[in-house]
Protein backbone atom coordinates (compact mmCIF):
# COMPACT_ATOMS: atom_id res chain seq x y z
CA MET A 1 -1.77 -5.56 -11.25
CA THR A 2 -3.23 -6.32 -7.91
CA ARG A 3 -6.39 -4.19 -6.47
CA PHE A 4 -5.37 -2.67 -2.73
CA ILE A 5 -7.95 -1.21 -1.09
CA ALA A 6 -7.21 1.31 2.01
CA VAL A 7 -7.82 2.06 5.17
CA ASP A 8 -8.80 4.95 7.33
CA SER A 9 -5.89 6.32 9.05
CA SER A 10 -3.44 5.53 6.60
CA THR A 11 -0.85 6.95 4.84
CA ILE A 12 0.46 6.25 1.08
CA TYR A 13 3.75 4.62 3.14
CA ASP A 14 1.00 2.10 4.98
CA VAL A 15 0.08 1.41 1.45
CA CYS A 16 3.36 0.97 0.01
CA LEU A 17 4.12 -1.49 3.19
CA ASN A 18 0.67 -3.44 2.89
CA THR A 19 1.23 -4.36 -0.81
CA TYR A 20 5.38 -4.37 -1.79
CA GLY A 21 6.53 -4.84 1.79
CA SER A 22 9.03 -2.25 1.58
CA LEU A 23 9.50 1.06 0.86
CA ASP A 24 11.70 0.35 -2.53
CA TYR A 25 8.64 1.04 -4.71
CA LEU A 26 7.12 3.92 -2.99
CA VAL A 27 7.28 6.28 -6.16
CA LYS A 28 6.32 3.29 -8.08
CA LEU A 29 3.45 3.11 -6.32
CA MET A 30 2.73 6.72 -6.36
CA VAL A 31 3.07 7.11 -10.08
CA ASP A 32 1.07 4.20 -11.32
CA ASN A 33 -1.64 5.51 -9.18
CA ASP A 34 -1.46 9.13 -9.76
CA PHE A 35 -1.32 9.69 -6.31
CA GLU A 36 -0.18 13.35 -5.23
CA GLY A 37 2.87 12.62 -2.62
CA VAL A 38 3.73 11.86 0.56
CA GLU A 39 2.00 14.92 2.61
CA THR A 40 -1.58 13.50 0.64
CA PHE A 41 -3.64 11.11 2.72
CA PRO A 42 -5.41 7.99 0.85
CA LYS A 43 -9.00 7.80 1.29
CA ALA A 44 -10.53 5.05 3.10
CA GLY A 45 -11.70 2.86 0.81
CA GLN A 46 -9.36 4.15 -1.85
CA GLU A 47 -8.29 1.35 -4.78
CA PHE A 48 -4.17 1.21 -5.15
CA LEU A 49 -2.78 -1.12 -7.70
CA PHE A 50 -0.05 -2.55 -7.79
CA ASP A 51 2.59 -5.56 -9.23
CA GLU A 52 2.27 -8.63 -6.90
CA ASN A 53 5.71 -9.40 -8.71
CA LEU A 54 7.43 -7.23 -7.16
CA VAL A 55 6.37 -8.06 -3.62
CA VAL A 56 9.79 -8.07 -1.53
CA ASN A 57 8.61 -10.86 1.27
CA GLN A 58 5.63 -13.03 -0.55
CA GLN A 59 5.58 -14.83 2.76
CA VAL A 60 4.30 -11.69 4.91
CA TYR A 61 2.08 -10.40 2.10
CA ARG A 62 -0.08 -13.51 1.76
CA THR A 63 0.22 -14.02 6.10
CA ASN A 64 -1.17 -10.18 5.44
CA LEU A 65 -3.85 -10.95 2.98
CA ASP A 66 -5.27 -14.24 4.28
CA LYS A 67 -5.96 -12.20 7.98
CA ASN A 68 -6.68 -9.45 5.96
CA LEU A 69 -4.20 -7.30 8.15
CA LYS A 70 -3.63 -3.55 6.94
CA TYR A 71 -1.04 -1.53 8.39
CA ALA A 72 -2.61 2.09 9.26
CA THR A 73 -0.18 4.75 11.28
CA GLY A 74 -2.27 7.55 11.03
CA GLU A 75 -1.09 10.83 9.46
CA ILE A 76 2.17 12.23 10.08
């Protein structure tokens, strides 16, 4: 499992896209991290664990990681 730290103004959807690169693993991400639901917002600095072997696009993941890019679209 790999660790991801949420940033201010991120949603659980942002965290899922930052980690897995797809919303296909949204439920897995929430279950694995005991996250309440899609209407709950991650706190800045909140840690999420994810399975790096399930990342949909490794190239995009590596680029974002190398450049420290994190999606944070704000409240829904």
